[in-house]
Amino acid sequence: MLEPEAQGLELFMGQAYAISGRRDSAVAVLRRVIAREPGNVQVRDLLRELEGREL
Protein backbone atom coordinates (compact mmCIF):
# COMPACT_ATOMS: atom_id res chain seq x y z
CA MET A 1 0.00 0.00 0.00
CA LEU A 2 1.21 3.49 -0.81
CA GLU A 3 1.74 6.13 1.82
CA PRO A 4 -0.95 8.85 1.82
CA GLU A 5 1.48 11.36 0.29
CA ALA A 6 2.26 8.98 -2.57
CA GLN A 7 -1.45 8.40 -3.16
CA GLY A 8 -1.94 12.15 -3.49
CA LEU A 9 0.99 12.36 -5.89
CA GLU A 10 -0.48 9.60 -8.01
CA LEU A 11 -3.76 11.52 -8.29
CA PHE A 12 -1.81 14.68 -9.16
CA MET A 13 0.10 12.74 -11.83
CA GLY A 14 -3.18 11.53 -13.35
CA GLN A 15 -4.50 15.08 -13.42
CA ALA A 16 -1.27 16.35 -14.98
CA TYR A 17 -1.47 13.70 -17.70
CA ALA A 18 -5.08 14.68 -18.40
CA ILE A 19 -4.26 18.38 -18.63
CA SER A 20 -1.31 17.73 -20.95
CA GLY A 21 -3.45 15.64 -23.30
CA ARG A 22 -1.98 12.27 -22.34
CA ARG A 23 -5.42 10.72 -21.89
CA ASP A 24 -4.36 7.06 -21.94
CA SER A 25 -1.69 7.64 -19.29
CA ALA A 26 -4.15 9.61 -17.15
CA VAL A 27 -6.77 6.87 -17.36
CA ALA A 28 -4.23 4.17 -16.44
CA VAL A 29 -3.03 6.06 -13.36
CA LEU A 30 -6.53 6.99 -12.25
CA ARG A 31 -7.74 3.40 -12.63
CA ARG A 32 -4.99 2.32 -10.24
CA VAL A 33 -6.14 4.96 -7.77
CA ILE A 34 -9.80 3.96 -8.03
CA ALA A 35 -8.90 0.29 -7.57
CA ARG A 36 -7.43 1.24 -4.17
CA GLU A 37 -10.02 3.89 -3.34
CA PRO A 38 -13.34 2.94 -4.98
CA GLY A 39 -15.20 5.63 -3.05
CA ASN A 40 -12.98 8.50 -4.24
CA VAL A 41 -15.52 10.79 -5.93
CA GLN A 42 -12.88 13.14 -7.36
CA VAL A 43 -11.14 10.29 -9.17
CA ARG A 44 -14.44 8.76 -10.34
CA ASP A 45 -15.54 12.10 -11.78
CA LEU A 46 -12.25 12.64 -13.60
CA LEU A 47 -12.29 9.10 -15.00
CA ARG A 48 -15.89 9.56 -16.12
CA GLU A 49 -14.91 12.76 -17.91
CA LEU A 50 -11.84 11.21 -19.56
CA GLU A 51 -13.63 8.05 -20.61
CA GLY A 52 -16.77 9.87 -21.64
CA ARG A 53 -19.04 7.43 -19.87
CA GLU A 54 -20.82 6.70 -16.63
CA LEU A 55 -18.96 4.65 -13.99
C-alpha atoms as a PDB file:
ATOM      1  CA  MET A   1       0.000   0.000   0.000  1.00  0.00           C
ATOM      2  CA  LEU A   2       1.212   3.485  -0.805  1.00  0.00           C
ATOM      3  CA  GLU A   3       1.741   6.126   1.822  1.00  0.00           C
ATOM      4  CA  PRO A   4      -0.950   8.851   1.820  1.00  0.00           C
ATOM      5  CA  GLU A   5       1.480  11.357   0.293  1.00  0.00           C
ATOM      6  CA  ALA A   6       2.258   8.977  -2.572  1.00  0.00           C
ATOM      7  CA  GLN A   7      -1.452   8.401  -3.164  1.00  0.00           C
ATOM      8  CA  GLY A   8      -1.940  12.155  -3.493  1.00  0.00           C
ATOM      9  CA  LEU A   9       0.992  12.363  -5.886  1.00  0.00           C
ATOM     10  CA  GLU A  10      -0.484   9.599  -8.013  1.00  0.00           C
ATOM     11  CA  LEU A  11      -3.762  11.524  -8.286  1.00  0.00           C
ATOM     12  CA  PHE A  12      -1.807  14.676  -9.158  1.00  0.00           C
ATOM     13  CA  MET A  13       0.101  12.736 -11.829  1.00  0.00           C
ATOM     14  CA  GLY A  14      -3.183  11.533 -13.350  1.00  0.00           C
ATOM     15  CA  GLN A  15      -4.504  15.084 -13.422  1.00  0.00           C
ATOM     16  CA  ALA A  16      -1.273  16.352 -14.984  1.00  0.00           C
ATOM     17  CA  TYR A  17      -1.466  13.702 -17.702  1.00  0.00           C
ATOM     18  CA  ALA A  18      -5.075  14.677 -18.396  1.00  0.00           C
ATOM     19  CA  ILE A  19      -4.259  18.385 -18.631  1.00  0.00           C
ATOM     20  CA  SER A  20      -1.311  17.730 -20.949  1.00  0.00           C
ATOM     21  CA  GLY A  21      -3.452  15.643 -23.304  1.00  0.00           C
ATOM     22  CA  ARG A  22      -1.983  12.271 -22.344  1.00  0.00           C
ATOM     23  CA  ARG A  23      -5.418  10.723 -21.886  1.00  0.00           C
ATOM     24  CA  ASP A  24      -4.355   7.065 -21.942  1.00  0.00           C
ATOM     25  CA  SER A  25      -1.693   7.644 -19.287  1.00  0.00           C
ATOM     26  CA  ALA A  26      -4.146   9.606 -17.154  1.00  0.00           C
ATOM     27  CA  VAL A  27      -6.770   6.865 -17.358  1.00  0.00           C
ATOM     28  CA  ALA A  28      -4.225   4.173 -16.442  1.00  0.00           C
ATOM     29  CA  VAL A  29      -3.025   6.057 -13.363  1.00  0.00           C
ATOM     30  CA  LEU A  30      -6.527   6.989 -12.246  1.00  0.00           C
ATOM     31  CA  ARG A  31      -7.744   3.405 -12.632  1.00  0.00           C
ATOM     32  CA  ARG A  32      -4.991   2.321 -10.239  1.00  0.00           C
ATOM     33  CA  VAL A  33      -6.136   4.959  -7.770  1.00  0.00           C
ATOM     34  CA  ILE A  34      -9.801   3.959  -8.029  1.00  0.00           C
ATOM     35  CA  ALA A  35      -8.897   0.287  -7.567  1.00  0.00           C
ATOM     36  CA  ARG A  36      -7.433   1.240  -4.172  1.00  0.00           C
ATOM     37  CA  GLU A  37     -10.017   3.895  -3.340  1.00  0.00           C
ATOM     38  CA  PRO A  38     -13.343   2.939  -4.975  1.00  0.00           C
ATOM     39  CA  GLY A  39     -15.198   5.632  -3.045  1.00  0.00           C
ATOM     40  CA  ASN A  40     -12.982   8.501  -4.241  1.00  0.00           C
ATOM     41  CA  VAL A  41     -15.515  10.788  -5.926  1.00  0.00           C
ATOM     42  CA  GLN A  42     -12.881  13.135  -7.356  1.00  0.00           C
ATOM     43  CA  VAL A  43     -11.138  10.285  -9.172  1.00  0.00           C
ATOM     44  CA  ARG A  44     -14.437   8.757 -10.335  1.00  0.00           C
ATOM     45  CA  ASP A  45     -15.544  12.103 -11.785  1.00  0.00           C
ATOM     46  CA  LEU A  46     -12.252  12.642 -13.602  1.00  0.00           C
ATOM     47  CA  LEU A  47     -12.287   9.104 -14.999  1.00  0.00           C
ATOM     48  CA  ARG A  48     -15.888   9.559 -16.121  1.00  0.00           C
ATOM     49  CA  GLU A  49     -14.909  12.756 -17.907  1.00  0.00           C
ATOM     50  CA  LEU A  50     -11.841  11.212 -19.562  1.00  0.00           C
ATOM     51  CA  GLU A  51     -13.629   8.045 -20.606  1.00  0.00           C
ATOM     52  CA  GLY A  52     -16.773   9.870 -21.644  1.00  0.00           C
ATOM     53  CA  ARG A  53     -19.045   7.425 -19.872  1.00  0.00           C
ATOM     54  CA  GLU A  54     -20.815   6.697 -16.629  1.00  0.00           C
ATOM     55  CA  LEU A  55     -18.962   4.650 -13.994  1.00  0.00           C
END
